[in-house]
Amino acid sequence: MTLLESATMEPVTRQSFVAQARYVISENVVTFGAFLLFFGFVLFGLFGGAIAPYNSIASDASVALSPPTLAHWFGTDALGRDILSRVIVATRLDLGIAVVAVALSFLLGSILGTCAGYFGGWADRIISRLVDTIMAFPLFILAMGLVAALGNTVENIIYATAIINLPLYTRVIRSEVLIRREAGYVEAARLAGNSHLQIMAFHLFPNVLPVMMVHISLNMGWAILNAAGLSFIGLGVRPPTPEWGIMVAEGATYIISGEWWLAIFPGLVLMLAVFCFNLLGDGLRDLIDPRMRT
């Protein structure tokens, strides 16, 4: 390939990706809405402290348990803290836990799954038994046990969430690699003198990545729910740190007395976050899969 050909191929590839992205987003209104929600959550996660109208942990007894008004759109809690501000600031923590936990489980699961599917034999047996051991426990109960034993810190919540999500990536990537390890392009890579590591990293894994996009997006929603669930039962982030699960748990005790806004608004935001990531997977798959650009 000449220098001129290589220089012209890169702009064409970039243009085809941009055109594919524009087509996917414009042709699917649901995907477009999911991307808008995603960018909104990212904006709140990065700049939530500056966007929030009030200090998220500052209390004001004079407006305690105030219903939604123009001054406090989501109302206030029992300590007079603005719920809207707490919901916005909590986005960084919840998304941060989900992103780091999913990244850890995806990285480790990709390595284990690729090795199990490519090498087979004892490597496959050992990795499969490890995954089966994790899956033998109810996953949320396992996360509860890990956090209770290690302590309810943000780091331990991330580790527990990553561990319970590890079997998903390991099993899916193993099955995809098993299908492709005897494919023609893999045999050609072997004949060209590529090492096992090069074949797994540059030939097998990139071809299973589009399949994993849907799982990563869905897993983000599950990770957010897991972190919120741990906080709801008292094993998550400690108050007064704003977190969606804690806010729902604190507001649940006031629903009977009529202060519905304490639990409803954080719960709706939590539902929207999970809904967003569930819808985002199909759009990401269509963007990354090279076969969709033909």
C-alpha atoms as a PDB file:
ATOM      1  CA  MET A   1       0.000   0.000   0.000  1.00  0.00           C
ATOM      2  CA  THR A   2       1.405   3.384  -0.991  1.00  0.00           C
ATOM      3  CA  LEU A   3       1.545   6.423   1.264  1.00  0.00           C
ATOM      4  CA  LEU A   4      -1.106   8.136  -0.863  1.00  0.00           C
ATOM      5  CA  GLU A   5      -3.521   5.204  -0.484  1.00  0.00           C
ATOM      6  CA  SER A   6      -3.021   5.004   3.288  1.00  0.00           C
ATOM      7  CA  ALA A   7      -3.527   8.765   3.611  1.00  0.00           C
ATOM      8  CA  THR A   8      -6.812   8.675   1.677  1.00  0.00           C
ATOM      9  CA  MET A   9      -8.230   5.608   3.463  1.00  0.00           C
ATOM     10  CA  GLU A  10      -8.237   7.229   6.930  1.00  0.00           C
ATOM     11  CA  PRO A  11     -10.495  10.194   5.982  1.00  0.00           C
ATOM     12  CA  VAL A  12     -12.847   7.823   4.143  1.00  0.00           C
ATOM     13  CA  THR A  13     -13.086   5.549   7.187  1.00  0.00           C
ATOM     14  CA  ARG A  14     -13.755   8.534   9.460  1.00  0.00           C
ATOM     15  CA  GLN A  15     -16.375   9.888   7.067  1.00  0.00           C
ATOM     16  CA  SER A  16     -18.111   6.498   6.856  1.00  0.00           C
ATOM     17  CA  PHE A  17     -18.253   6.289  10.663  1.00  0.00           C
ATOM     18  CA  VAL A  18     -19.687   9.812  10.932  1.00  0.00           C
ATOM     19  CA  ALA A  19     -22.222   9.047   8.211  1.00  0.00           C
ATOM     20  CA  GLN A  20     -23.182   5.804   9.957  1.00  0.00           C
ATOM     21  CA  ALA A  21     -23.577   7.625  13.274  1.00  0.00           C
ATOM     22  CA  ARG A  22     -25.776  10.257  11.645  1.00  0.00           C
ATOM     23  CA  TYR A  23     -27.885   7.560   9.984  1.00  0.00           C
ATOM     24  CA  VAL A  24     -28.328   5.478  13.148  1.00  0.00           C
ATOM     25  CA  ILE A  25     -29.323   8.467  15.267  1.00  0.00           C
ATOM     26  CA  SER A  26     -31.614  10.066  12.671  1.00  0.00           C
ATOM     27  CA  GLU A  27     -33.422   6.874  11.680  1.00  0.00           C
ATOM     28  CA  ASN A  28     -34.184   5.705  15.225  1.00  0.00           C
ATOM     29  CA  VAL A  29     -35.933   8.263  17.422  1.00  0.00           C
ATOM     30  CA  VAL A  30     -35.569   6.005  20.479  1.00  0.00           C
ATOM     31  CA  THR A  31     -31.804   5.768  19.978  1.00  0.00           C
ATOM     32  CA  PHE A  32     -31.622   9.532  19.545  1.00  0.00           C
ATOM     33  CA  GLY A  33     -33.508  10.020  22.800  1.00  0.00           C
ATOM     34  CA  ALA A  34     -31.234   7.545  24.576  1.00  0.00           C
ATOM     35  CA  PHE A  35     -28.135   9.406  23.395  1.00  0.00           C
ATOM     36  CA  LEU A  36     -29.609  12.708  24.569  1.00  0.00           C
ATOM     37  CA  LEU A  37     -30.324  11.209  27.992  1.00  0.00           C
ATOM     38  CA  PHE A  38     -26.825   9.766  28.114  1.00  0.00           C
ATOM     39  CA  PHE A  39     -25.165  13.097  27.342  1.00  0.00           C
ATOM     40  CA  GLY A  40     -27.408  14.743  29.923  1.00  0.00           C
ATOM     41  CA  PHE A  41     -26.269  12.292  32.614  1.00  0.00           C
ATOM     42  CA  VAL A  42     -22.644  12.765  31.566  1.00  0.00           C
ATOM     43  CA  LEU A  43     -23.088  16.538  31.832  1.00  0.00           C
ATOM     44  CA  PHE A  44     -24.540  16.222  35.326  1.00  0.00           C
ATOM     45  CA  GLY A  45     -21.815  13.780  36.302  1.00  0.00           C
ATOM     46  CA  LEU A  46     -19.008  16.088  35.199  1.00  0.00           C
ATOM     47  CA  PHE A  47     -20.431  19.452  36.225  1.00  0.00           C
ATOM     48  CA  GLY A  48     -23.147  18.545  38.720  1.00  0.00           C
ATOM     49  CA  GLY A  49     -21.672  20.622  41.509  1.00  0.00           C
ATOM     50  CA  ALA A  50     -21.737  23.743  39.336  1.00  0.00           C
ATOM     51  CA  ILE A  51     -25.164  23.051  37.812  1.00  0.00           C
ATOM     52  CA  ALA A  52     -26.968  22.281  41.092  1.00  0.00           C
ATOM     53  CA  PRO A  53     -28.900  25.345  42.298  1.00  0.00           C
ATOM     54  CA  TYR A  54     -28.137  24.682  45.988  1.00  0.00           C
ATOM     55  CA  ASN A  55     -25.489  23.042  48.127  1.00  0.00           C
ATOM     56  CA  SER A  56     -26.389  19.354  48.158  1.00  0.00           C
ATOM     57  CA  ILE A  57     -25.567  18.807  51.833  1.00  0.00           C
ATOM     58  CA  ALA A  58     -26.567  22.221  53.254  1.00  0.00           C
ATOM     59  CA  SER A  59     -29.680  21.976  55.457  1.00  0.00           C
ATOM     60  CA  ASP A  60     -32.325  24.629  56.102  1.00  0.00           C
ATOM     61  CA  ALA A  61     -34.877  23.732  58.776  1.00  0.00           C
ATOM     62  CA  SER A  62     -37.200  26.556  57.704  1.00  0.00           C
ATOM     63  CA  VAL A  63     -38.042  24.764  54.426  1.00  0.00           C
ATOM     64  CA  ALA A  64     -37.920  21.158  55.674  1.00  0.00           C
ATOM     65  CA  LEU A  65     -40.290  18.787  53.857  1.00  0.00           C
ATOM     66  CA  SER A  66     -41.354  21.527  51.470  1.00  0.00           C
ATOM     67  CA  PRO A  67     -43.287  20.212  48.425  1.00  0.00           C
ATOM     68  CA  PRO A  68     -42.124  21.056  44.880  1.00  0.00           C
ATOM     69  CA  THR A  69     -42.162  24.805  44.282  1.00  0.00           C
ATOM     70  CA  LEU A  70     -40.531  27.266  41.914  1.00  0.00           C
ATOM     71  CA  ALA A  71     -37.700  27.689  44.421  1.00  0.00           C
ATOM     72  CA  HIS A  72     -37.243  23.941  44.947  1.00  0.00           C
ATOM     73  CA  TRP A  73     -38.429  22.067  41.860  1.00  0.00           C
ATOM     74  CA  PHE A  74     -38.156  18.626  43.468  1.00  0.00           C
ATOM     75  CA  GLY A  75     -39.011  19.820  46.978  1.00  0.00           C
ATOM     76  CA  THR A  76     -36.855  19.426  50.077  1.00  0.00           C
ATOM     77  CA  ASP A  77     -36.176  16.587  52.495  1.00  0.00           C
ATOM     78  CA  ALA A  78     -36.567  16.331  56.274  1.00  0.00           C
ATOM     79  CA  LEU A  79     -33.405  18.405  56.816  1.00  0.00           C
ATOM     80  CA  GLY A  80     -34.365  21.096  54.328  1.00  0.00           C
ATOM     81  CA  ARG A  81     -31.882  19.985  51.668  1.00  0.00           C
ATOM     82  CA  ASP A  82     -32.825  20.615  48.045  1.00  0.00           C
ATOM     83  CA  ILE A  83     -33.677  17.276  46.417  1.00  0.00           C
ATOM     84  CA  LEU A  84     -32.978  18.457  42.875  1.00  0.00           C
ATOM     85  CA  SER A  85     -29.459  19.489  43.845  1.00  0.00           C
ATOM     86  CA  ARG A  86     -28.865  16.180  45.597  1.00  0.00           C
ATOM     87  CA  VAL A  87     -30.151  14.216  42.597  1.00  0.00           C
ATOM     88  CA  ILE A  88     -27.860  16.134  40.230  1.00  0.00           C
ATOM     89  CA  VAL A  89     -24.776  15.797  42.434  1.00  0.00           C
ATOM     90  CA  ALA A  90     -25.495  12.080  43.027  1.00  0.00           C
ATOM     91  CA  THR A  91     -25.157  11.440  39.274  1.00  0.00           C
ATOM     92  CA  ARG A  92     -21.354  11.587  39.474  1.00  0.00           C
ATOM     93  CA  LEU A  93     -21.168   8.972  42.227  1.00  0.00           C
ATOM     94  CA  ASP A  94     -23.674   6.532  40.726  1.00  0.00           C
ATOM     95  CA  LEU A  95     -22.308   6.766  37.203  1.00  0.00           C
ATOM     96  CA  GLY A  96     -18.741   6.635  38.503  1.00  0.00           C
ATOM     97  CA  ILE A  97     -19.406   3.413  40.404  1.00  0.00           C
ATOM     98  CA  ALA A  98     -21.115   1.867  37.384  1.00  0.00           C
ATOM     99  CA  VAL A  99     -18.437   2.913  34.866  1.00  0.00           C
ATOM    100  CA  VAL A 100     -15.475   1.716  36.949  1.00  0.00           C
ATOM    101  CA  ALA A 101     -17.181  -1.541  37.968  1.00  0.00           C
ATOM    102  CA  VAL A 102     -18.218  -2.365  34.401  1.00  0.00           C
ATOM    103  CA  ALA A 103     -14.757  -1.455  33.086  1.00  0.00           C
ATOM    104  CA  LEU A 104     -13.087  -3.774  35.608  1.00  0.00           C
ATOM    105  CA  SER A 105     -15.433  -6.684  34.945  1.00  0.00           C
ATOM    106  CA  PHE A 106     -15.210  -6.159  31.169  1.00  0.00           C
ATOM    107  CA  LEU A 107     -11.400  -6.025  31.197  1.00  0.00           C
ATOM    108  CA  LEU A 108     -10.942  -9.094  33.370  1.00  0.00           C
ATOM    109  CA  GLY A 109     -13.806 -10.975  31.742  1.00  0.00           C
ATOM    110  CA  SER A 110     -12.395 -10.251  28.274  1.00  0.00           C
ATOM    111  CA  ILE A 111      -8.999 -11.656  29.230  1.00  0.00           C
ATOM    112  CA  LEU A 112     -10.436 -14.763  30.890  1.00  0.00           C
ATOM    113  CA  GLY A 113     -13.040 -15.393  28.203  1.00  0.00           C
ATOM    114  CA  THR A 114     -10.608 -14.950  25.321  1.00  0.00           C
ATOM    115  CA  CYS A 115      -8.041 -17.282  26.915  1.00  0.00           C
ATOM    116  CA  ALA A 116     -10.698 -19.908  27.703  1.00  0.00           C
ATOM    117  CA  GLY A 117     -12.161 -19.841  24.200  1.00  0.00           C
ATOM    118  CA  TYR A 118      -8.852 -19.696  22.341  1.00  0.00           C
ATOM    119  CA  PHE A 119      -6.747 -22.222  24.249  1.00  0.00           C
ATOM    120  CA  GLY A 120      -9.464 -24.579  25.496  1.00  0.00           C
ATOM    121  CA  GLY A 121      -8.294 -27.569  27.537  1.00  0.00           C
ATOM    122  CA  TRP A 122      -7.225 -26.947  31.124  1.00  0.00           C
ATOM    123  CA  ALA A 123      -7.428 -23.187  30.755  1.00  0.00           C
ATOM    124  CA  ASP A 124     -11.051 -23.471  29.687  1.00  0.00           C
ATOM    125  CA  ARG A 125     -11.893 -25.877  32.524  1.00  0.00           C
ATOM    126  CA  ILE A 126     -10.298 -23.771  35.266  1.00  0.00           C
ATOM    127  CA  ILE A 127     -11.842 -20.503  34.079  1.00  0.00           C
ATOM    128  CA  SER A 128     -15.245 -22.092  33.539  1.00  0.00           C
ATOM    129  CA  ARG A 129     -15.256 -23.606  37.045  1.00  0.00           C
ATOM    130  CA  LEU A 130     -14.309 -20.212  38.505  1.00  0.00           C
ATOM    131  CA  VAL A 131     -17.209 -18.575  36.693  1.00  0.00           C
ATOM    132  CA  ASP A 132     -19.575 -21.374  37.730  1.00  0.00           C
ATOM    133  CA  THR A 133     -18.554 -20.864  41.368  1.00  0.00           C
ATOM    134  CA  ILE A 134     -19.474 -17.176  41.193  1.00  0.00           C
ATOM    135  CA  MET A 135     -22.757 -17.919  39.466  1.00  0.00           C
ATOM    136  CA  ALA A 136     -23.670 -20.541  42.075  1.00  0.00           C
ATOM    137  CA  PHE A 137     -24.544 -17.686  44.462  1.00  0.00           C
ATOM    138  CA  PRO A 138     -27.471 -15.297  43.981  1.00  0.00           C
ATOM    139  CA  LEU A 139     -25.541 -12.361  42.576  1.00  0.00           C
ATOM    140  CA  PHE A 140     -27.070  -9.576  44.656  1.00  0.00           C
ATOM    141  CA  ILE A 141     -26.733 -11.688  47.802  1.00  0.00           C
ATOM    142  CA  LEU A 142     -23.074 -12.246  46.895  1.00  0.00           C
ATOM    143  CA  ALA A 143     -22.593  -8.488  46.495  1.00  0.00           C
ATOM    144  CA  MET A 144     -24.251  -7.929  49.880  1.00  0.00           C
ATOM    145  CA  GLY A 145     -21.929 -10.465  51.508  1.00  0.00           C
ATOM    146  CA  LEU A 146     -18.801  -8.969  49.954  1.00  0.00           C
ATOM    147  CA  VAL A 147     -19.672  -5.413  50.963  1.00  0.00           C
ATOM    148  CA  ALA A 148     -20.727  -6.495  54.467  1.00  0.00           C
ATOM    149  CA  ALA A 149     -17.460  -8.393  54.936  1.00  0.00           C
ATOM    150  CA  LEU A 150     -15.135  -5.778  53.419  1.00  0.00           C
ATOM    151  CA  GLY A 151     -16.961  -2.646  54.571  1.00  0.00           C
ATOM    152  CA  ASN A 152     -19.415  -0.342  52.841  1.00  0.00           C
ATOM    153  CA  THR A 153     -17.011   1.954  51.045  1.00  0.00           C
ATOM    154  CA  VAL A 154     -17.191   3.113  47.442  1.00  0.00           C
ATOM    155  CA  GLU A 155     -14.184   0.962  46.516  1.00  0.00           C
ATOM    156  CA  ASN A 156     -15.738  -2.202  47.950  1.00  0.00           C
ATOM    157  CA  ILE A 157     -19.043  -1.501  46.205  1.00  0.00           C
ATOM    158  CA  ILE A 158     -17.135  -1.232  42.917  1.00  0.00           C
ATOM    159  CA  TYR A 159     -15.256  -4.486  43.547  1.00  0.00           C
ATOM    160  CA  ALA A 160     -18.437  -6.344  44.526  1.00  0.00           C
ATOM    161  CA  THR A 161     -20.292  -5.055  41.462  1.00  0.00           C
ATOM    162  CA  ALA A 162     -17.390  -6.003  39.194  1.00  0.00           C
ATOM    163  CA  ILE A 163     -17.203  -9.532  40.631  1.00  0.00           C
ATOM    164  CA  ILE A 164     -20.902 -10.307  40.182  1.00  0.00           C
ATOM    165  CA  ASN A 165     -20.773  -9.026  36.572  1.00  0.00           C
ATOM    166  CA  LEU A 166     -17.620 -10.965  35.689  1.00  0.00           C
ATOM    167  CA  PRO A 167     -19.382 -14.205  34.591  1.00  0.00           C
ATOM    168  CA  LEU A 168     -21.430 -12.374  31.963  1.00  0.00           C
ATOM    169  CA  TYR A 169     -18.431 -11.123  30.005  1.00  0.00           C
ATOM    170  CA  THR A 170     -16.379 -14.269  30.495  1.00  0.00           C
ATOM    171  CA  ARG A 171     -19.116 -16.560  29.190  1.00  0.00           C
ATOM    172  CA  VAL A 172     -20.177 -14.409  26.246  1.00  0.00           C
ATOM    173  CA  ILE A 173     -16.636 -13.697  25.028  1.00  0.00           C
ATOM    174  CA  ARG A 174     -15.649 -17.358  25.480  1.00  0.00           C
ATOM    175  CA  SER A 175     -18.540 -18.504  23.297  1.00  0.00           C
ATOM    176  CA  GLU A 176     -17.795 -15.898  20.614  1.00  0.00           C
ATOM    177  CA  VAL A 177     -14.085 -16.785  20.541  1.00  0.00           C
ATOM    178  CA  LEU A 178     -14.928 -20.503  20.307  1.00  0.00           C
ATOM    179  CA  ILE A 179     -16.934 -19.781  17.168  1.00  0.00           C
ATOM    180  CA  ARG A 180     -14.210 -17.690  15.539  1.00  0.00           C
ATOM    181  CA  ARG A 181     -10.943 -19.336  16.577  1.00  0.00           C
ATOM    182  CA  GLU A 182     -10.940 -21.623  13.506  1.00  0.00           C
ATOM    183  CA  ALA A 183     -12.079 -18.936  11.085  1.00  0.00           C
ATOM    184  CA  GLY A 184     -10.142 -18.249   7.910  1.00  0.00           C
ATOM    185  CA  TYR A 185      -8.726 -14.915   9.011  1.00  0.00           C
ATOM    186  CA  VAL A 186      -7.414 -16.499  12.227  1.00  0.00           C
ATOM    187  CA  GLU A 187      -5.696 -19.273  10.255  1.00  0.00           C
ATOM    188  CA  ALA A 188      -4.234 -16.644   7.943  1.00  0.00           C
ATOM    189  CA  ALA A 189      -2.908 -14.741  10.959  1.00  0.00           C
ATOM    190  CA  ARG A 190      -1.255 -17.928  12.250  1.00  0.00           C
ATOM    191  CA  LEU A 191       0.353 -18.618   8.885  1.00  0.00           C
ATOM    192  CA  ALA A 192       1.597 -15.014   8.785  1.00  0.00           C
ATOM    193  CA  GLY A 193       3.596 -15.688  11.949  1.00  0.00           C
ATOM    194  CA  ASN A 194       1.442 -13.875  14.530  1.00  0.00           C
ATOM    195  CA  SER A 195       1.791 -15.009  18.128  1.00  0.00           C
ATOM    196  CA  HIS A 196      -1.133 -16.255  20.215  1.00  0.00           C
ATOM    197  CA  LEU A 197      -1.285 -12.914  22.011  1.00  0.00           C
ATOM    198  CA  GLN A 198      -1.375 -10.997  18.735  1.00  0.00           C
ATOM    199  CA  ILE A 199      -4.115 -13.207  17.334  1.00  0.00           C
ATOM    200  CA  MET A 200      -6.254 -12.814  20.453  1.00  0.00           C
ATOM    201  CA  ALA A 201      -5.669  -9.064  20.779  1.00  0.00           C
ATOM    202  CA  PHE A 202      -5.789  -7.929  17.147  1.00  0.00           C
ATOM    203  CA  HIS A 203      -7.885 -10.524  15.324  1.00  0.00           C
ATOM    204  CA  LEU A 204     -10.309 -12.233  17.690  1.00  0.00           C
ATOM    205  CA  PHE A 205     -11.169  -9.625  20.301  1.00  0.00           C
ATOM    206  CA  PRO A 206     -11.990  -6.755  17.854  1.00  0.00           C
ATOM    207  CA  ASN A 207     -14.458  -9.048  16.095  1.00  0.00           C
ATOM    208  CA  VAL A 208     -16.369  -9.886  19.281  1.00  0.00           C
ATOM    209  CA  LEU A 209     -16.401  -6.282  20.544  1.00  0.00           C
ATOM    210  CA  PRO A 210     -19.567  -5.237  18.615  1.00  0.00           C
ATOM    211  CA  VAL A 211     -21.432  -8.129  20.222  1.00  0.00           C
ATOM    212  CA  MET A 212     -20.325  -6.923  23.648  1.00  0.00           C
ATOM    213  CA  MET A 213     -21.583  -3.358  23.196  1.00  0.00           C
ATOM    214  CA  VAL A 214     -25.156  -4.338  23.999  1.00  0.00           C
ATOM    215  CA  HIS A 215     -24.008  -6.250  27.075  1.00  0.00           C
ATOM    216  CA  ILE A 216     -21.851  -3.349  28.280  1.00  0.00           C
ATOM    217  CA  SER A 217     -24.724  -0.909  27.964  1.00  0.00           C
ATOM    218  CA  LEU A 218     -27.192  -3.231  29.708  1.00  0.00           C
ATOM    219  CA  ASN A 219     -24.603  -3.971  32.364  1.00  0.00           C
ATOM    220  CA  MET A 220     -24.252  -0.259  33.102  1.00  0.00           C
ATOM    221  CA  GLY A 221     -27.922  -0.171  34.028  1.00  0.00           C
ATOM    222  CA  TRP A 222     -27.561  -3.280  36.208  1.00  0.00           C
ATOM    223  CA  ALA A 223     -24.500  -1.801  37.922  1.00  0.00           C
ATOM    224  CA  ILE A 224     -26.395   1.391  38.754  1.00  0.00           C
ATOM    225  CA  LEU A 225     -29.278  -0.672  40.144  1.00  0.00           C
ATOM    226  CA  ASN A 226     -26.870  -2.812  42.158  1.00  0.00           C
ATOM    227  CA  ALA A 227     -25.187   0.228  43.730  1.00  0.00           C
ATOM    228  CA  ALA A 228     -28.562   1.834  44.455  1.00  0.00           C
ATOM    229  CA  GLY A 229     -29.888  -1.436  45.893  1.00  0.00           C
ATOM    230  CA  LEU A 230     -26.936  -1.784  48.254  1.00  0.00           C
ATOM    231  CA  SER A 231     -27.418   1.789  49.405  1.00  0.00           C
ATOM    232  CA  PHE A 232     -31.155   1.209  49.829  1.00  0.00           C
ATOM    233  CA  ILE A 233     -30.583  -1.612  52.320  1.00  0.00           C
ATOM    234  CA  GLY A 234     -27.858   0.289  54.169  1.00  0.00           C
ATOM    235  CA  LEU A 235     -24.780  -1.386  52.673  1.00  0.00           C
ATOM    236  CA  GLY A 236     -23.894   1.318  50.193  1.00  0.00           C
ATOM    237  CA  VAL A 237     -22.571   4.827  50.392  1.00  0.00           C
ATOM    238  CA  ARG A 238     -22.985   6.436  53.783  1.00  0.00           C
ATOM    239  CA  PRO A 239     -25.092   9.576  54.381  1.00  0.00           C
ATOM    240  CA  PRO A 240     -24.987  12.516  53.988  1.00  0.00           C
ATOM    241  CA  THR A 241     -23.343  11.763  50.621  1.00  0.00           C
ATOM    242  CA  PRO A 242     -25.998  12.214  47.888  1.00  0.00           C
ATOM    243  CA  GLU A 243     -26.808   8.887  46.243  1.00  0.00           C
ATOM    244  CA  TRP A 244     -29.983   7.803  44.462  1.00  0.00           C
ATOM    245  CA  GLY A 245     -30.503   4.603  46.476  1.00  0.00           C
ATOM    246  CA  ILE A 246     -30.045   6.378  49.800  1.00  0.00           C
ATOM    247  CA  MET A 247     -32.474   9.111  48.769  1.00  0.00           C
ATOM    248  CA  VAL A 248     -35.137   6.565  47.797  1.00  0.00           C
ATOM    249  CA  ALA A 249     -34.617   4.702  51.083  1.00  0.00           C
ATOM    250  CA  GLU A 250     -34.855   7.906  53.135  1.00  0.00           C
ATOM    251  CA  GLY A 251     -37.929   9.072  51.241  1.00  0.00           C
ATOM    252  CA  ALA A 252     -39.744   5.735  51.440  1.00  0.00           C
ATOM    253  CA  THR A 253     -40.531   6.252  55.134  1.00  0.00           C
ATOM    254  CA  TYR A 254     -42.334   9.524  54.350  1.00  0.00           C
ATOM    255  CA  ILE A 255     -44.621   8.286  51.558  1.00  0.00           C
ATOM    256  CA  ILE A 256     -47.328   7.172  53.989  1.00  0.00           C
ATOM    257  CA  SER A 257     -47.447  10.628  55.583  1.00  0.00           C
ATOM    258  CA  GLY A 258     -47.846  12.281  52.170  1.00  0.00           C
ATOM    259  CA  GLU A 259     -44.321  13.512  51.377  1.00  0.00           C
ATOM    260  CA  TRP A 260     -44.210  11.553  48.121  1.00  0.00           C
ATOM    261  CA  TRP A 261     -41.599  13.742  46.397  1.00  0.00           C
ATOM    262  CA  LEU A 262     -38.741  12.533  48.613  1.00  0.00           C
ATOM    263  CA  ALA A 263     -38.716   9.071  47.022  1.00  0.00           C
ATOM    264  CA  ILE A 264     -40.490   9.641  43.698  1.00  0.00           C
ATOM    265  CA  PHE A 265     -38.034  12.050  42.059  1.00  0.00           C
ATOM    266  CA  PRO A 266     -34.820  10.133  42.899  1.00  0.00           C
ATOM    267  CA  GLY A 267     -36.579   6.928  41.853  1.00  0.00           C
ATOM    268  CA  LEU A 268     -37.635   8.452  38.529  1.00  0.00           C
ATOM    269  CA  VAL A 269     -34.080   9.610  37.807  1.00  0.00           C
ATOM    270  CA  LEU A 270     -32.776   6.140  38.676  1.00  0.00           C
ATOM    271  CA  MET A 271     -35.358   4.599  36.341  1.00  0.00           C
ATOM    272  CA  LEU A 272     -34.392   7.008  33.548  1.00  0.00           C
ATOM    273  CA  ALA A 273     -30.705   6.126  33.937  1.00  0.00           C
ATOM    274  CA  VAL A 274     -31.372   2.393  33.660  1.00  0.00           C
ATOM    275  CA  PHE A 275     -33.818   2.975  30.795  1.00  0.00           C
ATOM    276  CA  CYS A 276     -31.217   5.094  28.973  1.00  0.00           C
ATOM    277  CA  PHE A 277     -28.491   2.450  29.110  1.00  0.00           C
ATOM    278  CA  ASN A 278     -30.896  -0.313  28.131  1.00  0.00           C
ATOM    279  CA  LEU A 279     -31.791   1.577  24.950  1.00  0.00           C
ATOM    280  CA  LEU A 280     -28.244   2.724  24.243  1.00  0.00           C
ATOM    281  CA  GLY A 281     -26.879  -0.748  23.528  1.00  0.00           C
ATOM    282  CA  ASP A 282     -28.520  -1.233  20.145  1.00  0.00           C
ATOM    283  CA  GLY A 283     -27.306   2.140  18.907  1.00  0.00           C
ATOM    284  CA  LEU A 284     -23.734   1.465  20.035  1.00  0.00           C
ATOM    285  CA  ARG A 285     -23.769  -1.927  18.336  1.00  0.00           C
ATOM    286  CA  ASP A 286     -24.915  -0.375  15.053  1.00  0.00           C
ATOM    287  CA  LEU A 287     -22.210   2.290  15.290  1.00  0.00           C
ATOM    288  CA  ILE A 288     -19.304  -0.050  16.002  1.00  0.00           C
ATOM    289  CA  ASP A 289     -20.199  -3.096  13.919  1.00  0.00           C
ATOM    290  CA  PRO A 290     -18.363  -2.734  10.556  1.00  0.00           C
ATOM    291  CA  ARG A 291     -21.008  -4.838   8.810  1.00  0.00           C
ATOM    292  CA  MET A 292     -23.598  -2.122   9.453  1.00  0.00           C
ATOM    293  CA  ARG A 293     -21.610   0.358   7.359  1.00  0.00           C
ATOM    294  CA  THR A 294     -21.897  -1.573   4.110  1.00  0.00           C
END
